[in-house]
Amino acid sequence: MQFQDYLLANHRFVIIILVLLLARLRHASSGNRFLIGFVNFFGTVLHELAHYLVGWLLLARPGRLSLWPRQTAHGFVLGSVSFGNLRFFNTLPTTLAPLLLLYVAYQADMRFFSYFPETWITFFVHIFVVTLLLENALPSATDIQVALGNPGGILFYAAGGAVILFWERLAPEVTRWLGLLRL
């Protein structure tokens, strides 16, 4: 039995405790701006970098990038990216870009022990990395609010999804009849 299989089979309790400790550490830091910045820095960098890179790729013109928490009337804002060209075609993917971290977390989980030896220390690092990625993959309330505030983009991507669904799943005989290549 491999080390990872042994841990998963016999130490789920340890995994749960580690994740809860990480969550408790984050919650305990919620009153102090400097502690919040320290505990959440790496996650904030990943989250905001996802927004920045997708915005850059989709011509949303990312501007100011803030990675240090600031206090607002409703709590703390951990980070932000401002954009100068949010349009119907780039608002939805730019605001929901942190969801790409779900894929990164999945790949990190699947491949971690192929790059690092299977020890207790790397096991703890593995849990930390995957938890960090998963926790910061969720779009913030502001992200969702901006995404839903652009109905043109929602309609654009819904229509595109409907066309793809129709083309690939609902009308394969039409594609064969027309002699078009299927991907």
C-alpha atoms as a PDB file:
ATOM      1  CA  MET A   1       0.000   0.000   0.000  1.00  0.00           C
ATOM      2  CA  GLN A   2       1.383   3.398  -0.971  1.00  0.00           C
ATOM      3  CA  PHE A   3       1.831   6.165   1.588  1.00  0.00           C
ATOM      4  CA  GLN A   4      -0.956   8.304   0.098  1.00  0.00           C
ATOM      5  CA  ASP A   5      -3.385   5.354   0.031  1.00  0.00           C
ATOM      6  CA  TYR A   6      -2.498   4.566   3.636  1.00  0.00           C
ATOM      7  CA  LEU A   7      -3.197   8.149   4.696  1.00  0.00           C
ATOM      8  CA  LEU A   8      -6.458   8.324   2.821  1.00  0.00           C
ATOM      9  CA  ALA A   9      -7.626   4.973   4.119  1.00  0.00           C
ATOM     10  CA  ASN A  10      -6.557   5.334   7.740  1.00  0.00           C
ATOM     11  CA  HIS A  11      -6.155   9.006   8.524  1.00  0.00           C
ATOM     12  CA  ARG A  12      -9.170  10.830   7.171  1.00  0.00           C
ATOM     13  CA  PHE A  13      -9.548  12.146  10.681  1.00  0.00           C
ATOM     14  CA  VAL A  14      -6.099  13.798  10.475  1.00  0.00           C
ATOM     15  CA  ILE A  15      -7.037  15.398   7.146  1.00  0.00           C
ATOM     16  CA  ILE A  16     -10.256  16.798   8.608  1.00  0.00           C
ATOM     17  CA  ILE A  17      -8.397  18.185  11.639  1.00  0.00           C
ATOM     18  CA  LEU A  18      -5.796  19.874   9.405  1.00  0.00           C
ATOM     19  CA  VAL A  19      -8.432  21.518   7.244  1.00  0.00           C
ATOM     20  CA  LEU A  20     -10.356  22.677  10.322  1.00  0.00           C
ATOM     21  CA  LEU A  21      -7.160  24.087  11.850  1.00  0.00           C
ATOM     22  CA  LEU A  22      -6.475  26.052   8.678  1.00  0.00           C
ATOM     23  CA  ALA A  23     -10.052  27.368   8.702  1.00  0.00           C
ATOM     24  CA  ARG A  24      -9.767  28.276  12.395  1.00  0.00           C
ATOM     25  CA  LEU A  25      -6.484  30.097  11.773  1.00  0.00           C
ATOM     26  CA  ARG A  26      -8.134  32.133   9.047  1.00  0.00           C
ATOM     27  CA  HIS A  27     -11.144  32.895  11.238  1.00  0.00           C
ATOM     28  CA  ALA A  28      -8.984  33.813  14.247  1.00  0.00           C
ATOM     29  CA  SER A  29      -7.102  36.377  12.165  1.00  0.00           C
ATOM     30  CA  SER A  30     -10.272  38.192  11.110  1.00  0.00           C
ATOM     31  CA  GLY A  31      -9.902  41.060  13.603  1.00  0.00           C
ATOM     32  CA  ASN A  32      -6.360  42.141  12.790  1.00  0.00           C
ATOM     33  CA  ARG A  33      -5.557  43.651   9.396  1.00  0.00           C
ATOM     34  CA  PHE A  34      -1.899  42.599   9.454  1.00  0.00           C
ATOM     35  CA  LEU A  35      -2.703  39.050  10.562  1.00  0.00           C
ATOM     36  CA  ILE A  36      -5.394  38.827   7.861  1.00  0.00           C
ATOM     37  CA  GLY A  37      -2.853  39.977   5.288  1.00  0.00           C
ATOM     38  CA  PHE A  38      -0.301  37.421   6.444  1.00  0.00           C
ATOM     39  CA  VAL A  39      -2.669  34.438   6.670  1.00  0.00           C
ATOM     40  CA  ASN A  40      -4.488  35.166   3.400  1.00  0.00           C
ATOM     41  CA  PHE A  41      -1.653  36.599   1.314  1.00  0.00           C
ATOM     42  CA  PHE A  42      -0.914  33.579  -0.903  1.00  0.00           C
ATOM     43  CA  GLY A  43      -4.576  32.853  -1.499  1.00  0.00           C
ATOM     44  CA  THR A  44      -5.295  36.497  -2.285  1.00  0.00           C
ATOM     45  CA  VAL A  45      -2.410  36.551  -4.779  1.00  0.00           C
ATOM     46  CA  LEU A  46      -3.780  33.461  -6.556  1.00  0.00           C
ATOM     47  CA  HIS A  47      -7.369  34.749  -6.576  1.00  0.00           C
ATOM     48  CA  GLU A  48      -6.504  38.217  -7.875  1.00  0.00           C
ATOM     49  CA  LEU A  49      -3.931  36.865 -10.326  1.00  0.00           C
ATOM     50  CA  ALA A  50      -6.671  34.701 -11.866  1.00  0.00           C
ATOM     51  CA  HIS A  51      -8.808  37.827 -12.370  1.00  0.00           C
ATOM     52  CA  TYR A  52      -5.841  39.767 -13.743  1.00  0.00           C
ATOM     53  CA  LEU A  53      -4.657  37.122 -16.227  1.00  0.00           C
ATOM     54  CA  VAL A  54      -8.105  36.286 -17.610  1.00  0.00           C
ATOM     55  CA  GLY A  55      -8.906  39.999 -17.841  1.00  0.00           C
ATOM     56  CA  TRP A  56      -5.648  40.602 -19.676  1.00  0.00           C
ATOM     57  CA  LEU A  57      -6.282  37.710 -22.091  1.00  0.00           C
ATOM     58  CA  LEU A  58      -9.830  38.932 -22.817  1.00  0.00           C
ATOM     59  CA  LEU A  59      -8.823  42.587 -23.276  1.00  0.00           C
ATOM     60  CA  ALA A  60     -10.522  43.871 -20.119  1.00  0.00           C
ATOM     61  CA  ARG A  61      -7.488  46.110 -19.497  1.00  0.00           C
ATOM     62  CA  PRO A  62      -6.602  45.257 -15.903  1.00  0.00           C
ATOM     63  CA  GLY A  63      -5.418  48.278 -13.997  1.00  0.00           C
ATOM     64  CA  ARG A  64      -4.693  48.658 -10.309  1.00  0.00           C
ATOM     65  CA  LEU A  65      -3.934  45.428  -8.453  1.00  0.00           C
ATOM     66  CA  SER A  66      -4.293  45.505  -4.675  1.00  0.00           C
ATOM     67  CA  LEU A  67      -3.090  42.577  -2.579  1.00  0.00           C
ATOM     68  CA  TRP A  68      -3.213  44.088   0.906  1.00  0.00           C
ATOM     69  CA  PRO A  69      -6.433  43.984   2.951  1.00  0.00           C
ATOM     70  CA  ARG A  70      -8.329  47.185   3.533  1.00  0.00           C
ATOM     71  CA  GLN A  71     -11.171  47.728   5.928  1.00  0.00           C
ATOM     72  CA  THR A  72     -14.610  48.714   4.669  1.00  0.00           C
ATOM     73  CA  ALA A  73     -17.949  49.251   6.380  1.00  0.00           C
ATOM     74  CA  HIS A  74     -18.791  45.565   5.806  1.00  0.00           C
ATOM     75  CA  GLY A  75     -15.468  44.035   6.908  1.00  0.00           C
ATOM     76  CA  PHE A  76     -12.225  43.569   5.023  1.00  0.00           C
ATOM     77  CA  VAL A  77     -11.533  43.471   1.300  1.00  0.00           C
ATOM     78  CA  LEU A  78      -8.540  41.156   0.902  1.00  0.00           C
ATOM     79  CA  GLY A  79      -7.585  42.228  -2.608  1.00  0.00           C
ATOM     80  CA  SER A  80      -8.912  43.695  -5.808  1.00  0.00           C
ATOM     81  CA  VAL A  81      -8.207  44.300  -9.468  1.00  0.00           C
ATOM     82  CA  SER A  82      -9.713  47.195 -11.377  1.00  0.00           C
ATOM     83  CA  PHE A  83     -10.514  46.906 -15.080  1.00  0.00           C
ATOM     84  CA  GLY A  84     -10.852  49.602 -17.706  1.00  0.00           C
ATOM     85  CA  ASN A  85     -12.711  47.700 -20.423  1.00  0.00           C
ATOM     86  CA  LEU A  86     -15.282  45.272 -19.016  1.00  0.00           C
ATOM     87  CA  ARG A  87     -17.696  44.415 -21.829  1.00  0.00           C
ATOM     88  CA  PHE A  88     -20.382  41.805 -22.478  1.00  0.00           C
ATOM     89  CA  PHE A  89     -17.872  39.252 -23.783  1.00  0.00           C
ATOM     90  CA  ASN A  90     -15.258  39.522 -21.029  1.00  0.00           C
ATOM     91  CA  THR A  91     -17.101  40.429 -17.817  1.00  0.00           C
ATOM     92  CA  LEU A  92     -18.384  36.959 -16.947  1.00  0.00           C
ATOM     93  CA  PRO A  93     -15.121  35.043 -17.478  1.00  0.00           C
ATOM     94  CA  THR A  94     -13.037  37.784 -15.852  1.00  0.00           C
ATOM     95  CA  THR A  95     -15.165  37.969 -12.706  1.00  0.00           C
ATOM     96  CA  LEU A  96     -15.481  34.188 -12.384  1.00  0.00           C
ATOM     97  CA  ALA A  97     -11.812  33.525 -13.227  1.00  0.00           C
ATOM     98  CA  PRO A  98     -10.915  32.204  -9.739  1.00  0.00           C
ATOM     99  CA  LEU A  99     -13.004  29.124 -10.572  1.00  0.00           C
ATOM    100  CA  LEU A 100     -10.020  28.084 -12.700  1.00  0.00           C
ATOM    101  CA  LEU A 101      -8.229  27.419  -9.427  1.00  0.00           C
ATOM    102  CA  LEU A 102     -10.551  24.405  -8.975  1.00  0.00           C
ATOM    103  CA  TYR A 103      -8.781  22.768 -11.907  1.00  0.00           C
ATOM    104  CA  VAL A 104      -5.388  23.737 -10.507  1.00  0.00           C
ATOM    105  CA  ALA A 105      -6.391  22.244  -7.129  1.00  0.00           C
ATOM    106  CA  TYR A 106      -7.527  19.034  -8.809  1.00  0.00           C
ATOM    107  CA  GLN A 107      -4.260  18.724 -10.714  1.00  0.00           C
ATOM    108  CA  ALA A 108      -2.250  19.506  -7.569  1.00  0.00           C
ATOM    109  CA  ASP A 109      -4.150  16.819  -5.705  1.00  0.00           C
ATOM    110  CA  MET A 110      -3.677  14.226  -8.447  1.00  0.00           C
ATOM    111  CA  ARG A 111      -0.012  14.928  -9.207  1.00  0.00           C
ATOM    112  CA  PHE A 112       1.510  16.211  -5.972  1.00  0.00           C
ATOM    113  CA  PHE A 113       3.111  12.954  -4.834  1.00  0.00           C
ATOM    114  CA  SER A 114       4.510  12.209  -8.287  1.00  0.00           C
ATOM    115  CA  TYR A 115       6.769  15.260  -7.807  1.00  0.00           C
ATOM    116  CA  PHE A 116       7.486  15.013  -4.081  1.00  0.00           C
ATOM    117  CA  PRO A 117       8.404  12.069  -1.852  1.00  0.00           C
ATOM    118  CA  GLU A 118       5.606  10.584   0.226  1.00  0.00           C
ATOM    119  CA  THR A 119       6.395  11.734   3.760  1.00  0.00           C
ATOM    120  CA  TRP A 120       4.398  13.272   6.577  1.00  0.00           C
ATOM    121  CA  ILE A 121       5.837  16.720   5.871  1.00  0.00           C
ATOM    122  CA  THR A 122       4.899  16.609   2.191  1.00  0.00           C
ATOM    123  CA  PHE A 123       1.502  15.259   3.204  1.00  0.00           C
ATOM    124  CA  PHE A 124       0.910  18.360   5.346  1.00  0.00           C
ATOM    125  CA  VAL A 125       2.162  20.611   2.532  1.00  0.00           C
ATOM    126  CA  HIS A 126      -0.163  18.781   0.116  1.00  0.00           C
ATOM    127  CA  ILE A 127      -3.181  19.388   2.369  1.00  0.00           C
ATOM    128  CA  PHE A 128      -2.198  23.049   2.782  1.00  0.00           C
ATOM    129  CA  VAL A 129      -1.748  23.632  -0.964  1.00  0.00           C
ATOM    130  CA  VAL A 130      -4.999  21.941  -1.990  1.00  0.00           C
ATOM    131  CA  THR A 131      -6.968  23.666   0.789  1.00  0.00           C
ATOM    132  CA  LEU A 132      -5.469  27.036  -0.167  1.00  0.00           C
ATOM    133  CA  LEU A 133      -6.390  26.560  -3.812  1.00  0.00           C
ATOM    134  CA  LEU A 134      -9.911  25.335  -3.103  1.00  0.00           C
ATOM    135  CA  GLU A 135     -10.678  28.055  -0.591  1.00  0.00           C
ATOM    136  CA  ASN A 136      -9.565  30.817  -2.937  1.00  0.00           C
ATOM    137  CA  ALA A 137     -11.231  29.340  -6.025  1.00  0.00           C
ATOM    138  CA  LEU A 138     -14.615  30.622  -4.912  1.00  0.00           C
ATOM    139  CA  PRO A 139     -15.599  33.966  -6.406  1.00  0.00           C
ATOM    140  CA  SER A 140     -16.312  36.664  -3.843  1.00  0.00           C
ATOM    141  CA  ALA A 141     -19.713  38.283  -3.410  1.00  0.00           C
ATOM    142  CA  THR A 142     -18.419  41.282  -5.368  1.00  0.00           C
ATOM    143  CA  ASP A 143     -17.260  38.990  -8.180  1.00  0.00           C
ATOM    144  CA  ILE A 144     -20.702  37.411  -8.440  1.00  0.00           C
ATOM    145  CA  GLN A 145     -22.436  40.782  -8.199  1.00  0.00           C
ATOM    146  CA  VAL A 146     -20.375  42.194 -11.089  1.00  0.00           C
ATOM    147  CA  ALA A 147     -20.883  39.020 -13.159  1.00  0.00           C
ATOM    148  CA  LEU A 148     -24.659  39.085 -12.680  1.00  0.00           C
ATOM    149  CA  GLY A 149     -24.744  42.835 -13.296  1.00  0.00           C
ATOM    150  CA  ASN A 150     -23.983  42.275 -16.971  1.00  0.00           C
ATOM    151  CA  PRO A 151     -27.006  40.485 -18.505  1.00  0.00           C
ATOM    152  CA  GLY A 152     -25.548  40.847 -22.011  1.00  0.00           C
ATOM    153  CA  GLY A 153     -22.606  38.665 -21.053  1.00  0.00           C
ATOM    154  CA  ILE A 154     -24.826  36.084 -19.401  1.00  0.00           C
ATOM    155  CA  LEU A 155     -27.002  35.905 -22.534  1.00  0.00           C
ATOM    156  CA  PHE A 156     -23.903  35.770 -24.748  1.00  0.00           C
ATOM    157  CA  TYR A 157     -22.425  32.763 -22.910  1.00  0.00           C
ATOM    158  CA  ALA A 158     -25.818  31.070 -22.453  1.00  0.00           C
ATOM    159  CA  ALA A 159     -26.447  31.342 -26.196  1.00  0.00           C
ATOM    160  CA  GLY A 160     -22.956  30.045 -26.959  1.00  0.00           C
ATOM    161  CA  GLY A 161     -23.467  27.133 -24.585  1.00  0.00           C
ATOM    162  CA  ALA A 162     -26.852  26.356 -26.151  1.00  0.00           C
ATOM    163  CA  VAL A 163     -25.327  26.348 -29.645  1.00  0.00           C
ATOM    164  CA  ILE A 164     -22.537  24.016 -28.541  1.00  0.00           C
ATOM    165  CA  LEU A 165     -25.002  21.748 -26.744  1.00  0.00           C
ATOM    166  CA  PHE A 166     -27.262  21.635 -29.794  1.00  0.00           C
ATOM    167  CA  TRP A 167     -24.395  21.148 -32.219  1.00  0.00           C
ATOM    168  CA  GLU A 168     -22.619  18.406 -30.283  1.00  0.00           C
ATOM    169  CA  ARG A 169     -25.410  16.575 -28.464  1.00  0.00           C
ATOM    170  CA  LEU A 170     -28.807  17.279 -29.916  1.00  0.00           C
ATOM    171  CA  ALA A 171     -28.123  17.347 -33.626  1.00  0.00           C
ATOM    172  CA  PRO A 172     -25.353  14.900 -34.536  1.00  0.00           C
ATOM    173  CA  GLU A 173     -27.301  13.762 -37.605  1.00  0.00           C
ATOM    174  CA  VAL A 174     -27.314  17.351 -38.871  1.00  0.00           C
ATOM    175  CA  THR A 175     -23.530  17.506 -38.627  1.00  0.00           C
ATOM    176  CA  ARG A 176     -23.221  14.187 -40.472  1.00  0.00           C
ATOM    177  CA  TRP A 177     -25.768  15.314 -43.062  1.00  0.00           C
ATOM    178  CA  LEU A 178     -23.868  18.522 -43.704  1.00  0.00           C
ATOM    179  CA  GLY A 179     -20.598  16.589 -43.793  1.00  0.00           C
ATOM    180  CA  LEU A 180     -18.979  18.796 -41.170  1.00  0.00           C
ATOM    181  CA  LEU A 181     -16.195  17.566 -38.933  1.00  0.00           C
ATOM    182  CA  ARG A 182     -17.046  16.977 -35.291  1.00  0.00           C
ATOM    183  CA  LEU A 183     -14.471  17.919 -32.695  1.00  0.00           C
END
